[in-house]
C-alpha atoms as a PDB file:
ATOM      1  CA  MET A   1      82.877 117.709  96.972  1.00  0.00           C
ATOM      2  CA  THR A   2      85.036 115.229  94.914  1.00  0.00           C
ATOM      3  CA  VAL A   3      84.102 112.020  93.311  1.00  0.00           C
ATOM      4  CA  GLY A   4      85.149 108.789  94.987  1.00  0.00           C
ATOM      5  CA  LEU A   5      84.607 105.092  94.504  1.00  0.00           C
ATOM      6  CA  ILE A   6      83.158 102.632  97.036  1.00  0.00           C
ATOM      7  CA  ILE A   7      83.507  98.852  96.837  1.00  0.00           C
ATOM      8  CA  ASN A   8      80.928  97.074  99.060  1.00  0.00           C
ATOM      9  CA  GLN A   9      81.116  93.785 100.790  1.00  0.00           C
ATOM     10  CA  ASN A  10      79.843  92.041  97.694  1.00  0.00           C
ATOM     11  CA  GLY A  11      82.557  93.514  95.419  1.00  0.00           C
ATOM     12  CA  GLU A  12      80.144  95.893  93.656  1.00  0.00           C
ATOM     13  CA  THR A  13      81.514  99.363  92.961  1.00  0.00           C
ATOM     14  CA  ALA A  14      79.730 102.659  92.929  1.00  0.00           C
ATOM     15  CA  SER A  15      80.849 106.167  92.202  1.00  0.00           C
ATOM     16  CA  VAL A  16      79.891 108.602  94.918  1.00  0.00           C
ATOM     17  CA  GLU A  17      80.521 112.279  96.028  1.00  0.00           C
ATOM     18  CA  VAL A  18      82.947 112.397  99.039  1.00  0.00           C
ATOM     19  CA  ALA A  19      82.188 115.323 101.398  1.00  0.00           C
ATOM     20  CA  SER A  20      85.305 117.195 102.186  1.00  0.00           C
ATOM     21  CA  ASN A  21      83.791 119.154 105.229  1.00  0.00           C
ATOM     22  CA  PHE A  22      82.972 116.146 107.337  1.00  0.00           C
ATOM     23  CA  GLY A  23      84.858 113.114 108.378  1.00  0.00           C
ATOM     24  CA  GLU A  24      87.834 111.226 106.643  1.00  0.00           C
ATOM     25  CA  PHE A  25      85.660 109.568 103.997  1.00  0.00           C
ATOM     26  CA  ALA A  26      82.028 110.693 104.125  1.00  0.00           C
ATOM     27  CA  ILE A  27      79.257 110.010 101.749  1.00  0.00           C
ATOM     28  CA  SER A  28      75.621 110.982 101.585  1.00  0.00           C
ATOM     29  CA  LEU A  29      73.226 108.980 103.717  1.00  0.00           C
ATOM     30  CA  ASP A  30      71.260 107.940 100.565  1.00  0.00           C
ATOM     31  CA  ASP A  31      74.392 106.695  98.850  1.00  0.00           C
ATOM     32  CA  PHE A  32      75.304 104.873 101.981  1.00  0.00           C
ATOM     33  CA  ALA A  33      72.041 103.040 102.159  1.00  0.00           C
ATOM     34  CA  THR A  34      72.058 102.069  98.477  1.00  0.00           C
ATOM     35  CA  ILE A  35      75.666 100.744  98.508  1.00  0.00           C
ATOM     36  CA  THR A  36      75.751  99.042 101.864  1.00  0.00           C
ATOM     37  CA  GLY A  37      72.154  98.227 102.697  1.00  0.00           C
ATOM     38  CA  TRP A  38      72.631  99.949 106.102  1.00  0.00           C
ATOM     39  CA  GLN A  39      70.378 102.761 107.088  1.00  0.00           C
ATOM     40  CA  LEU A  40      70.665 105.188 110.083  1.00  0.00           C
ATOM     41  CA  LYS A  41      67.600 105.118 112.120  1.00  0.00           C
ATOM     42  CA  PRO A  42      66.808 106.452 115.639  1.00  0.00           C
ATOM     43  CA  GLU A  43      67.675 103.091 117.122  1.00  0.00           C
ATOM     44  CA  GLY A  44      70.965 103.049 115.465  1.00  0.00           C
ATOM     45  CA  LEU A  45      72.617 101.578 112.268  1.00  0.00           C
ATOM     46  CA  CYS A  46      70.352  99.011 110.942  1.00  0.00           C
ATOM     47  CA  ILE A  47      70.447  96.264 108.152  1.00  0.00           C
ATOM     48  CA  ALA A  48      67.207  94.558 107.833  1.00  0.00           C
ATOM     49  CA  GLU A  49      65.837  94.059 111.308  1.00  0.00           C
ATOM     50  CA  ASN A  50      69.406  93.989 112.929  1.00  0.00           C
ATOM     51  CA  CYS A  51      70.502  97.249 114.533  1.00  0.00           C
ATOM     52  CA  VAL A  52      73.747  98.346 116.112  1.00  0.00           C
ATOM     53  CA  PRO A  53      73.311 101.177 118.731  1.00  0.00           C
ATOM     54  CA  VAL A  54      75.303 104.362 118.016  1.00  0.00           C
ATOM     55  CA  ARG A  55      76.625 106.070 121.169  1.00  0.00           C
ATOM     56  CA  ASP A  56      78.143 109.186 119.575  1.00  0.00           C
ATOM     57  CA  ALA A  57      76.122 110.004 116.369  1.00  0.00           C
ATOM     58  CA  LYS A  58      78.196 113.284 115.944  1.00  0.00           C
ATOM     59  CA  MET A  59      81.247 111.237 115.107  1.00  0.00           C
ATOM     60  CA  LEU A  60      79.255 109.187 112.609  1.00  0.00           C
ATOM     61  CA  THR A  61      77.024 111.654 110.834  1.00  0.00           C
ATOM     62  CA  ASN A  62      76.333 115.321 110.156  1.00  0.00           C
ATOM     63  CA  HIS A  63      72.704 114.444 109.337  1.00  0.00           C
ATOM     64  CA  THR A  64      73.326 114.489 105.553  1.00  0.00           C
ATOM     65  CA  HIS A  65      76.475 112.432 105.387  1.00  0.00           C
ATOM     66  CA  ILE A  66      78.077 109.381 107.073  1.00  0.00           C
ATOM     67  CA  ASP A  67      81.712 108.833 107.797  1.00  0.00           C
ATOM     68  CA  LEU A  68      82.626 105.295 106.350  1.00  0.00           C
ATOM     69  CA  ILE A  69      85.668 105.004 108.691  1.00  0.00           C
ATOM     70  CA  GLU A  70      83.568 105.592 111.729  1.00  0.00           C
ATOM     71  CA  PHE A  71      80.782 103.313 110.257  1.00  0.00           C
ATOM     72  CA  ALA A  72      83.342 100.409 110.034  1.00  0.00           C
ATOM     73  CA  ARG A  73      84.563 101.008 113.660  1.00  0.00           C
ATOM     74  CA  VAL A  74      80.940 100.984 115.067  1.00  0.00           C
ATOM     75  CA  THR A  75      79.989  97.897 113.191  1.00  0.00           C
ATOM     76  CA  ASN A  76      83.432  96.062 113.553  1.00  0.00           C
ATOM     77  CA  GLN A  77      83.763  95.848 109.864  1.00  0.00           C
ATOM     78  CA  ASN A  78      86.923  95.684 107.837  1.00  0.00           C
ATOM     79  CA  ILE A  79      87.709  98.788 105.672  1.00  0.00           C
ATOM     80  CA  ALA A  80      90.550  99.942 103.392  1.00  0.00           C
ATOM     81  CA  VAL A  81      90.713 103.615 102.276  1.00  0.00           C
ATOM     82  CA  ASP A  82      93.025 105.377  99.906  1.00  0.00           C
ATOM     83  CA  GLN A  83      92.509 109.083 100.794  1.00  0.00           C
ATOM     84  CA  GLN A  84      94.505 110.323  97.843  1.00  0.00           C
ATOM     85  CA  ARG A  85      92.697 108.291  95.276  1.00  0.00           C
ATOM     86  CA  LYS A  86      89.289 108.595  97.032  1.00  0.00           C
ATOM     87  CA  VAL A  87      88.750 104.878  97.168  1.00  0.00           C
ATOM     88  CA  ALA A  88      87.215 102.851  99.991  1.00  0.00           C
ATOM     89  CA  ALA A  89      86.640  99.148 100.083  1.00  0.00           C
ATOM     90  CA  LEU A  90      84.368  97.663 102.844  1.00  0.00           C
ATOM     91  CA  GLY A  91      84.959  93.955 103.888  1.00  0.00           C
ATOM     92  CA  GLU A  92      83.079  91.567 106.075  1.00  0.00           C
ATOM     93  CA  GLN A  93      82.572  92.092 109.648  1.00  0.00           C
ATOM     94  CA  ALA A  94      85.781  91.160 111.542  1.00  0.00           C
ATOM     95  CA  ASP A  95      84.146  88.544 113.677  1.00  0.00           C
ATOM     96  CA  VAL A  96      82.514  86.739 110.643  1.00  0.00           C
ATOM     97  CA  ARG A  97      85.855  86.714 109.008  1.00  0.00           C
ATOM     98  CA  SER A  98      87.634  85.512 112.095  1.00  0.00           C
ATOM     99  CA  GLU A  99      85.227  82.590 112.369  1.00  0.00           C
ATOM    100  CA  ALA A 100      85.709  81.653 108.775  1.00  0.00           C
ATOM    101  CA  MET A 101      89.508  81.630 109.379  1.00  0.00           C
ATOM    102  CA  THR A 102      89.196  79.292 112.387  1.00  0.00           C
ATOM    103  CA  THR A 103      87.483  76.649 110.287  1.00  0.00           C
ATOM    104  CA  LEU A 104      90.138  76.892 107.606  1.00  0.00           C
ATOM    105  CA  ASP A 105      87.348  76.640 105.010  1.00  0.00           C
ATOM    106  CA  ALA A 106      88.321  78.648 101.848  1.00  0.00           C
ATOM    107  CA  PRO A 107      85.550  80.982 100.568  1.00  0.00           C
ATOM    108  CA  ASP A 108      83.956  80.140  97.247  1.00  0.00           C
ATOM    109  CA  PHE A 109      85.092  81.962  94.255  1.00  0.00           C
ATOM    110  CA  THR A 110      84.795  81.786  90.336  1.00  0.00           C
ATOM    111  CA  LEU A 111      87.630  82.501  87.947  1.00  0.00           C
ATOM    112  CA  PRO A 112      88.290  81.628  84.349  1.00  0.00           C
ATOM    113  CA  ASP A 113      90.634  78.604  83.736  1.00  0.00           C
ATOM    114  CA  ILE A 114      93.260  78.570  81.060  1.00  0.00           C
ATOM    115  CA  HIS A 115      90.512  77.962  78.482  1.00  0.00           C
ATOM    116  CA  GLY A 116      88.463  80.871  79.520  1.00  0.00           C
ATOM    117  CA  ARG A 117      85.700  78.785  81.177  1.00  0.00           C
ATOM    118  CA  GLN A 118      84.411  79.962  84.390  1.00  0.00           C
ATOM    119  CA  VAL A 119      85.307  77.480  87.285  1.00  0.00           C
ATOM    120  CA  SER A 120      84.271  77.793  90.878  1.00  0.00           C
ATOM    121  CA  PHE A 121      86.184  76.561  93.896  1.00  0.00           C
ATOM    122  CA  SER A 122      83.090  74.762  94.974  1.00  0.00           C
ATOM    123  CA  ASP A 123      83.049  72.694  91.678  1.00  0.00           C
ATOM    124  CA  TYR A 124      85.501  70.491  93.337  1.00  0.00           C
ATOM    125  CA  ASN A 125      83.869  69.821  96.576  1.00  0.00           C
ATOM    126  CA  ARG A 126      84.480  66.219  98.078  1.00  0.00           C
ATOM    127  CA  ARG A 127      87.972  66.266  96.429  1.00  0.00           C
ATOM    128  CA  LYS A 128      91.263  67.330  97.826  1.00  0.00           C
ATOM    129  CA  ARG A 129      92.196  70.683  96.433  1.00  0.00           C
ATOM    130  CA  LEU A 130      95.414  72.522  96.204  1.00  0.00           C
ATOM    131  CA  LEU A 131      95.252  76.250  95.600  1.00  0.00           C
ATOM    132  CA  LEU A 132      98.249  78.153  94.170  1.00  0.00           C
ATOM    133  CA  ALA A 133      98.288  81.772  94.003  1.00  0.00           C
ATOM    134  CA  TRP A 134     100.863  83.944  92.009  1.00  0.00           C
ATOM    135  CA  SER A 135     101.290  87.624  91.387  1.00  0.00           C
ATOM    136  CA  SER A 136     103.674  89.567  89.236  1.00  0.00           C
ATOM    137  CA  TRP A 137     104.342  92.276  91.741  1.00  0.00           C
END
């Protein structure tokens, strides 16, 4: 097994062992539950009281590990994987993100201003806001 990095939906990171004998990016069921909050139960993949049925469990798990790419497909969740660097990033469910895009409401975020103070996008509610983004690459 090799060490990999998972970034969950909340942006939290965790270092995990990635199984090389199952799936494209498989981690232990314990790590999976800790990182994502989802658990594999007889009724399917569950988070809290909400469960998603799993039709083909053999594609999803080998009873010790779960394939994150298959998990994302089953739960309609966004995922980005870099196999070479062993990094996977999970995003929101596609239907949740799609709904947010139809309203054109920007998600709240917090960044430092030019003086180093933390400023949230929501600090300026009820005002017109112009958001400019720039990148050096």
